[in-house]
N, C-alpha and C. Protein backbone atom coordinates (compact mmCIF):
# COMPACT_ATOMS: atom_id res chain seq x y z
N GLY A 1 7.42 -4.05 42.48
CA GLY A 1 6.26 -4.34 41.83
C GLY A 1 6.25 -3.86 40.34
N SER A 2 5.13 -3.73 39.74
CA SER A 2 4.96 -3.42 38.39
C SER A 2 5.46 -1.95 38.05
N LEU A 3 5.26 -1.04 38.86
CA LEU A 3 5.70 0.31 38.62
C LEU A 3 7.23 0.35 38.65
N THR A 4 7.82 -0.39 39.57
CA THR A 4 9.28 -0.39 39.70
C THR A 4 9.81 -0.98 38.44
N ARG A 5 9.18 -2.10 37.92
CA ARG A 5 9.68 -2.80 36.70
C ARG A 5 9.66 -1.86 35.51
N CYS A 6 8.49 -1.17 35.39
CA CYS A 6 8.37 -0.07 34.32
C CYS A 6 9.41 0.91 34.29
N TYR A 7 9.64 1.44 35.52
CA TYR A 7 10.66 2.43 35.72
C TYR A 7 11.99 1.92 35.24
N GLU A 8 12.41 0.66 35.69
CA GLU A 8 13.62 0.08 35.36
C GLU A 8 13.82 -0.09 33.92
N ILE A 9 12.77 -0.56 33.25
CA ILE A 9 12.87 -0.64 31.75
C ILE A 9 13.02 0.62 31.08
N GLY A 10 12.22 1.66 31.44
CA GLY A 10 12.34 3.00 30.88
C GLY A 10 13.63 3.59 31.03
N ASN A 11 14.19 3.42 32.25
CA ASN A 11 15.43 3.87 32.61
C ASN A 11 16.52 3.34 31.72
N ALA A 12 16.52 1.96 31.48
CA ALA A 12 17.46 1.18 30.64
C ALA A 12 17.40 1.85 29.25
N VAL A 13 16.19 2.07 28.69
CA VAL A 13 15.97 2.67 27.41
C VAL A 13 16.71 4.04 27.26
N LEU A 14 16.33 4.93 28.34
CA LEU A 14 16.96 6.27 28.25
C LEU A 14 18.47 6.16 28.38
N ARG A 15 18.98 5.37 29.18
CA ARG A 15 20.52 5.23 29.31
C ARG A 15 21.10 4.73 27.97
N ALA A 16 20.46 3.87 27.30
CA ALA A 16 20.95 3.39 26.09
C ALA A 16 20.91 4.41 25.01
N ARG A 17 19.88 5.18 24.97
CA ARG A 17 19.71 6.18 23.96
C ARG A 17 20.82 7.24 24.19
N ARG A 18 20.98 7.69 25.45
CA ARG A 18 22.03 8.69 25.86
C ARG A 18 23.49 8.18 25.41
N ALA A 19 23.69 6.93 25.49
CA ALA A 19 24.97 6.35 25.21
C ALA A 19 25.06 6.03 23.65
N ASN A 20 24.06 6.36 22.81
CA ASN A 20 24.11 6.02 21.42
C ASN A 20 24.05 4.47 21.26
N MET A 21 23.41 3.72 22.20
CA MET A 21 23.46 2.25 22.06
C MET A 21 21.99 1.89 21.61
N ASP A 22 21.83 0.62 21.25
CA ASP A 22 20.57 0.11 20.85
C ASP A 22 19.59 0.00 22.01
N PRO A 23 18.53 0.80 21.97
CA PRO A 23 17.51 0.76 22.96
C PRO A 23 16.75 -0.49 23.07
N VAL A 24 16.52 -1.16 21.96
CA VAL A 24 15.80 -2.43 21.85
C VAL A 24 16.60 -3.53 22.59
N ALA A 25 17.97 -3.58 22.48
CA ALA A 25 18.82 -4.41 23.11
C ALA A 25 18.64 -4.14 24.66
N ALA A 26 18.56 -2.99 25.05
CA ALA A 26 18.45 -2.59 26.51
C ALA A 26 17.16 -3.17 27.07
N VAL A 27 16.05 -3.14 26.32
CA VAL A 27 14.71 -3.71 26.68
C VAL A 27 14.89 -5.22 26.84
N VAL A 28 15.55 -5.80 25.81
CA VAL A 28 15.67 -7.25 25.85
C VAL A 28 16.52 -7.75 27.08
N GLU A 29 17.64 -7.04 27.33
CA GLU A 29 18.44 -7.35 28.49
C GLU A 29 17.72 -7.17 29.81
N LYS A 30 17.00 -6.08 29.94
CA LYS A 30 16.33 -5.78 31.24
C LYS A 30 15.17 -6.73 31.46
N THR A 31 14.50 -7.21 30.37
CA THR A 31 13.32 -8.09 30.58
C THR A 31 13.72 -9.54 30.42
N ASP A 32 14.89 -9.87 30.05
CA ASP A 32 15.25 -11.27 29.73
C ASP A 32 14.40 -11.78 28.67
N GLY A 33 14.19 -10.93 27.61
CA GLY A 33 13.33 -11.23 26.51
C GLY A 33 14.04 -11.68 25.38
N ARG A 34 13.51 -11.58 24.14
CA ARG A 34 14.14 -11.80 22.85
C ARG A 34 13.47 -11.06 21.78
N VAL A 35 14.08 -10.81 20.76
CA VAL A 35 13.61 -10.13 19.53
C VAL A 35 13.25 -11.18 18.47
N VAL A 36 11.94 -11.23 18.17
CA VAL A 36 11.55 -12.12 17.13
C VAL A 36 11.84 -11.58 15.73
N VAL A 37 11.69 -10.32 15.47
CA VAL A 37 11.91 -9.75 14.09
C VAL A 37 12.25 -8.18 14.33
N ARG A 38 13.04 -7.69 13.56
CA ARG A 38 13.26 -6.27 13.41
C ARG A 38 12.98 -5.97 11.91
N GLY A 39 11.94 -5.10 11.72
CA GLY A 39 11.53 -4.80 10.35
C GLY A 39 10.53 -3.59 10.35
N LYS A 40 9.89 -3.63 9.15
CA LYS A 40 8.91 -2.59 8.93
C LYS A 40 7.50 -3.11 8.73
N ILE A 41 6.57 -2.41 9.30
CA ILE A 41 5.15 -2.90 9.11
C ILE A 41 4.72 -2.52 7.73
N THR A 42 4.34 -3.60 7.01
CA THR A 42 3.96 -3.49 5.49
C THR A 42 2.53 -3.60 5.43
N GLU A 43 1.75 -4.08 6.36
CA GLU A 43 0.31 -4.25 6.21
C GLU A 43 -0.21 -4.15 7.62
N HIS A 44 -1.35 -3.54 7.65
CA HIS A 44 -2.04 -3.37 9.00
C HIS A 44 -3.60 -3.39 8.79
N ARG A 45 -4.26 -4.30 9.46
CA ARG A 45 -5.84 -4.26 9.27
C ARG A 45 -6.30 -4.42 10.77
N MET A 46 -7.22 -3.56 11.11
CA MET A 46 -7.77 -3.57 12.44
C MET A 46 -9.18 -3.13 12.40
N GLU A 47 -10.11 -3.75 13.13
CA GLU A 47 -11.48 -3.39 13.29
C GLU A 47 -12.00 -3.64 14.61
N ILE A 48 -13.06 -2.91 14.93
CA ILE A 48 -13.73 -3.07 16.21
C ILE A 48 -14.84 -4.21 15.95
N LEU A 49 -14.79 -5.30 16.66
CA LEU A 49 -15.69 -6.35 16.49
C LEU A 49 -16.17 -6.95 17.84
N GLU A 50 -17.39 -6.89 18.07
CA GLU A 50 -17.93 -7.39 19.40
C GLU A 50 -17.22 -6.77 20.61
N GLY A 51 -16.95 -5.49 20.48
CA GLY A 51 -16.19 -4.83 21.54
C GLY A 51 -14.67 -5.00 21.64
N PHE A 52 -14.16 -5.72 20.71
CA PHE A 52 -12.72 -6.02 20.65
C PHE A 52 -12.02 -5.30 19.53
N SER A 53 -10.83 -4.77 19.71
CA SER A 53 -9.98 -4.39 18.51
C SER A 53 -9.36 -5.64 18.07
N ARG A 54 -9.73 -6.09 16.89
CA ARG A 54 -9.16 -7.33 16.23
C ARG A 54 -8.58 -6.95 14.96
N GLY A 55 -7.53 -7.80 14.66
CA GLY A 55 -6.80 -7.56 13.38
C GLY A 55 -5.49 -8.32 13.33
N MET A 56 -4.72 -7.81 12.44
CA MET A 56 -3.40 -8.33 12.26
C MET A 56 -2.51 -7.29 11.57
N PHE A 57 -1.21 -7.45 11.75
CA PHE A 57 -0.21 -6.67 10.99
C PHE A 57 0.93 -7.55 10.51
N MET A 58 1.48 -7.20 9.38
CA MET A 58 2.65 -7.90 8.82
C MET A 58 3.86 -7.07 9.07
N VAL A 59 5.01 -7.75 9.30
CA VAL A 59 6.31 -7.10 9.51
C VAL A 59 7.31 -7.91 8.56
N GLN A 60 7.92 -7.09 7.63
CA GLN A 60 8.95 -7.49 6.68
C GLN A 60 10.23 -7.24 7.46
N ALA A 61 11.07 -8.37 7.65
CA ALA A 61 12.33 -8.19 8.37
C ALA A 61 13.28 -7.40 7.44
N PHE A 62 14.13 -6.63 8.17
CA PHE A 62 15.17 -5.82 7.48
C PHE A 62 16.25 -6.85 6.94
N ALA A 63 16.65 -6.63 5.66
CA ALA A 63 17.63 -7.36 5.10
C ALA A 63 18.95 -7.43 5.92
N SER A 64 19.25 -6.36 6.60
CA SER A 64 20.55 -6.26 7.39
C SER A 64 20.58 -7.15 8.59
N VAL A 65 19.31 -7.59 9.00
CA VAL A 65 19.16 -8.46 10.12
C VAL A 65 18.85 -9.83 9.67
N ASP A 66 18.12 -10.03 8.55
CA ASP A 66 17.59 -11.27 8.10
C ASP A 66 17.73 -11.34 6.66
N PRO A 67 18.82 -11.81 6.10
CA PRO A 67 19.06 -11.85 4.61
C PRO A 67 17.83 -12.42 3.82
N ALA A 68 17.11 -13.28 4.42
CA ALA A 68 15.94 -13.90 3.67
C ALA A 68 14.81 -12.86 3.69
N GLU A 69 14.88 -11.82 4.50
CA GLU A 69 13.80 -10.83 4.54
C GLU A 69 12.41 -11.49 4.91
N SER A 70 12.45 -12.32 5.84
CA SER A 70 11.26 -13.08 6.28
C SER A 70 10.11 -12.14 6.59
N ARG A 71 8.96 -12.63 6.49
CA ARG A 71 7.80 -11.90 6.88
C ARG A 71 7.09 -12.58 8.17
N TYR A 72 6.43 -11.72 8.99
CA TYR A 72 5.87 -12.15 10.17
C TYR A 72 4.48 -11.49 10.33
N ARG A 73 3.54 -12.33 10.65
CA ARG A 73 2.12 -11.79 10.86
C ARG A 73 1.82 -11.92 12.34
N VAL A 74 1.37 -10.82 12.96
CA VAL A 74 1.01 -10.74 14.37
C VAL A 74 -0.48 -10.55 14.43
N HIS A 75 -1.12 -11.45 15.15
CA HIS A 75 -2.55 -11.25 15.36
C HIS A 75 -2.88 -10.52 16.62
N VAL A 76 -3.92 -9.78 16.60
CA VAL A 76 -4.27 -8.78 17.73
C VAL A 76 -5.69 -8.97 18.08
N GLN A 77 -5.92 -9.03 19.36
CA GLN A 77 -7.31 -8.88 19.91
C GLN A 77 -7.07 -8.06 21.23
N ASN A 78 -7.16 -6.70 21.09
CA ASN A 78 -6.82 -5.74 22.23
C ASN A 78 -5.42 -5.83 22.63
N GLU A 79 -4.77 -6.82 22.46
CA GLU A 79 -3.28 -7.04 22.73
C GLU A 79 -2.68 -7.98 21.60
N PHE A 80 -1.38 -8.08 21.64
CA PHE A 80 -0.63 -9.00 20.82
C PHE A 80 -0.97 -10.47 21.22
N ILE A 81 -1.53 -11.28 20.34
CA ILE A 81 -1.98 -12.56 20.80
C ILE A 81 -0.98 -13.72 20.37
N CYS A 82 -0.50 -13.60 19.04
CA CYS A 82 0.40 -14.51 18.51
C CYS A 82 1.15 -14.04 17.24
N CYS A 83 2.26 -14.65 16.98
CA CYS A 83 3.05 -14.25 15.89
C CYS A 83 3.49 -15.43 15.14
N PHE A 84 3.23 -15.42 13.78
CA PHE A 84 3.71 -16.42 12.92
C PHE A 84 4.71 -16.02 11.89
N ARG A 85 5.61 -16.85 11.57
CA ARG A 85 6.52 -16.60 10.48
C ARG A 85 5.83 -17.09 9.23
N VAL A 86 5.62 -16.17 8.28
CA VAL A 86 4.78 -16.45 7.01
C VAL A 86 5.86 -17.11 6.03
N CYS A 87 5.47 -18.36 5.61
CA CYS A 87 6.43 -19.01 4.82
C CYS A 87 5.96 -19.27 3.34
N SER A 88 4.78 -18.71 3.16
CA SER A 88 4.16 -18.90 1.73
C SER A 88 3.61 -17.56 1.30
N ASN A 89 3.07 -17.54 0.12
CA ASN A 89 2.50 -16.27 -0.41
C ASN A 89 0.98 -16.16 0.15
N ASP A 90 0.56 -17.17 0.86
CA ASP A 90 -0.82 -17.18 1.40
C ASP A 90 -0.80 -16.34 2.66
N GLU A 91 -1.29 -15.06 2.64
CA GLU A 91 -1.23 -14.24 3.86
C GLU A 91 -1.96 -14.84 5.00
N ASN A 92 -2.89 -15.68 4.76
CA ASN A 92 -3.66 -16.28 5.80
C ASN A 92 -3.14 -17.56 6.26
N ASP A 93 -1.93 -17.95 5.86
CA ASP A 93 -1.27 -19.18 6.24
C ASP A 93 -0.99 -19.00 7.74
N SER A 94 -1.63 -19.93 8.57
CA SER A 94 -1.32 -19.97 10.01
C SER A 94 -0.90 -21.34 10.35
N ASP A 95 0.03 -21.88 9.67
CA ASP A 95 0.49 -23.22 9.93
C ASP A 95 1.10 -23.26 11.34
N PRO A 96 0.60 -24.10 12.25
CA PRO A 96 1.02 -24.14 13.66
C PRO A 96 2.56 -24.35 13.65
N ASP A 97 3.26 -25.02 12.64
CA ASP A 97 4.61 -25.20 12.69
C ASP A 97 5.34 -23.93 12.52
N ASN A 98 4.66 -22.85 12.06
CA ASN A 98 5.33 -21.55 11.88
C ASN A 98 5.07 -20.53 13.02
N LEU A 99 4.40 -21.07 14.01
CA LEU A 99 4.08 -20.23 15.24
C LEU A 99 5.39 -19.97 15.91
N VAL A 100 5.70 -18.55 16.18
CA VAL A 100 6.88 -18.20 16.74
C VAL A 100 6.72 -17.91 18.28
N VAL A 101 5.53 -17.29 18.65
CA VAL A 101 5.30 -16.92 20.07
C VAL A 101 3.80 -16.70 20.17
N CYS A 102 3.16 -16.98 21.33
CA CYS A 102 1.78 -16.72 21.53
C CYS A 102 1.58 -16.52 23.04
N ALA A 103 0.41 -15.88 23.27
CA ALA A 103 0.00 -15.67 24.73
C ALA A 103 -0.05 -17.05 25.41
N PRO A 104 0.24 -17.18 26.60
CA PRO A 104 0.39 -16.19 27.67
C PRO A 104 1.75 -15.40 27.75
N HIS A 105 2.64 -15.72 26.81
CA HIS A 105 3.99 -15.04 26.78
C HIS A 105 3.58 -13.59 26.50
N LEU A 106 4.27 -12.71 27.06
CA LEU A 106 4.21 -11.25 26.84
C LEU A 106 4.80 -10.90 25.54
N ILE A 107 3.95 -10.35 24.63
CA ILE A 107 4.36 -9.89 23.26
C ILE A 107 4.31 -8.52 23.21
N THR A 108 5.25 -7.76 22.81
CA THR A 108 5.17 -6.26 22.67
C THR A 108 5.89 -5.88 21.43
N THR A 109 5.57 -4.65 21.03
CA THR A 109 6.20 -4.00 19.78
C THR A 109 6.81 -2.67 20.17
N VAL A 110 8.06 -2.55 19.88
CA VAL A 110 8.72 -1.29 20.24
C VAL A 110 9.35 -0.64 18.88
N ASP A 111 9.48 0.69 18.96
CA ASP A 111 10.08 1.47 17.92
C ASP A 111 11.61 1.17 17.93
N VAL A 112 12.16 0.74 16.81
CA VAL A 112 13.58 0.38 16.75
C VAL A 112 14.52 1.47 17.01
N GLU A 113 14.13 2.76 16.74
CA GLU A 113 15.01 3.82 17.02
C GLU A 113 15.00 4.35 18.37
N THR A 114 13.78 4.41 18.94
CA THR A 114 13.56 5.00 20.34
C THR A 114 13.51 3.96 21.43
N GLY A 115 13.07 2.75 21.07
CA GLY A 115 12.80 1.72 22.12
C GLY A 115 11.52 1.87 22.87
N TYR A 116 10.74 2.88 22.53
CA TYR A 116 9.45 3.13 23.05
C TYR A 116 8.44 2.15 22.62
N PRO A 117 7.55 1.80 23.54
CA PRO A 117 6.48 0.83 23.07
C PRO A 117 5.47 1.32 22.11
N ILE A 118 4.91 0.47 21.30
CA ILE A 118 3.93 0.89 20.35
C ILE A 118 2.70 -0.03 20.73
N THR A 119 1.54 0.62 21.06
CA THR A 119 0.44 -0.19 21.45
C THR A 119 -0.35 -0.56 20.15
N THR A 120 -1.32 -1.45 20.29
CA THR A 120 -2.04 -1.91 19.09
C THR A 120 -2.83 -0.85 18.39
N GLU A 121 -3.24 0.22 19.16
CA GLU A 121 -3.92 1.34 18.54
C GLU A 121 -2.99 2.23 17.82
N GLU A 122 -1.69 2.27 18.06
CA GLU A 122 -0.71 3.14 17.45
C GLU A 122 0.00 2.60 16.29
N LEU A 123 -0.22 1.28 15.87
CA LEU A 123 0.39 0.68 14.77
C LEU A 123 0.05 1.29 13.55
N ARG A 124 1.04 1.50 12.63
CA ARG A 124 0.75 2.13 11.27
C ARG A 124 1.74 1.45 10.33
N VAL A 125 1.29 1.39 9.12
CA VAL A 125 2.20 0.92 7.91
C VAL A 125 3.31 1.84 7.89
N GLY A 126 4.53 1.30 7.68
CA GLY A 126 5.81 2.05 7.62
C GLY A 126 6.55 2.21 8.80
N GLN A 127 6.01 1.90 10.03
CA GLN A 127 6.73 1.96 11.19
C GLN A 127 7.79 0.80 11.28
N ARG A 128 8.96 1.33 11.83
CA ARG A 128 10.12 0.38 11.98
C ARG A 128 10.02 -0.18 13.39
N VAL A 129 9.86 -1.49 13.55
CA VAL A 129 9.55 -2.00 14.79
C VAL A 129 10.38 -3.26 15.19
N ALA A 130 10.41 -3.56 16.40
CA ALA A 130 11.07 -4.76 16.83
C ALA A 130 10.19 -5.48 17.83
C-alpha cells in the first residue's frame, strides 16, 4: 500500500545518500518518474484565498543541466497543479504549448542535495530543487 511505497522511496533516498549518489535519481528510479527541471527557486508568491493556498513559484534551471538556463513556473493550489516552461519575458505567459506537466499526474518538488520532499508551505526563494 501507500505506506510501503513511502518506505521504499525513503529507503532508496537514504541508500543513495550513504553511497554519495544522486538522491533525486533514486527517487526517479523508484517511482518510474522524471525530472522536469533542476534549478533554484527565484520567485515565490503564495496567498490564502477562499480557504486554499494559491500561488506560483519560478525555477531557473542550473546551467550545468540546461545550458539555456530555462525558466519554469509551477502553479499551486494546496498542491502542485501544473508546470509551464516560460519562453518569454512575460511571467504570466501560460501558453498551453509550453505546458510540461499537470494534474492528475503527481507533481512533487525535492531538495536536490537531500532528495527530501518540499511541500508547498516549505517553498522558499533560493532553494535548490528538482
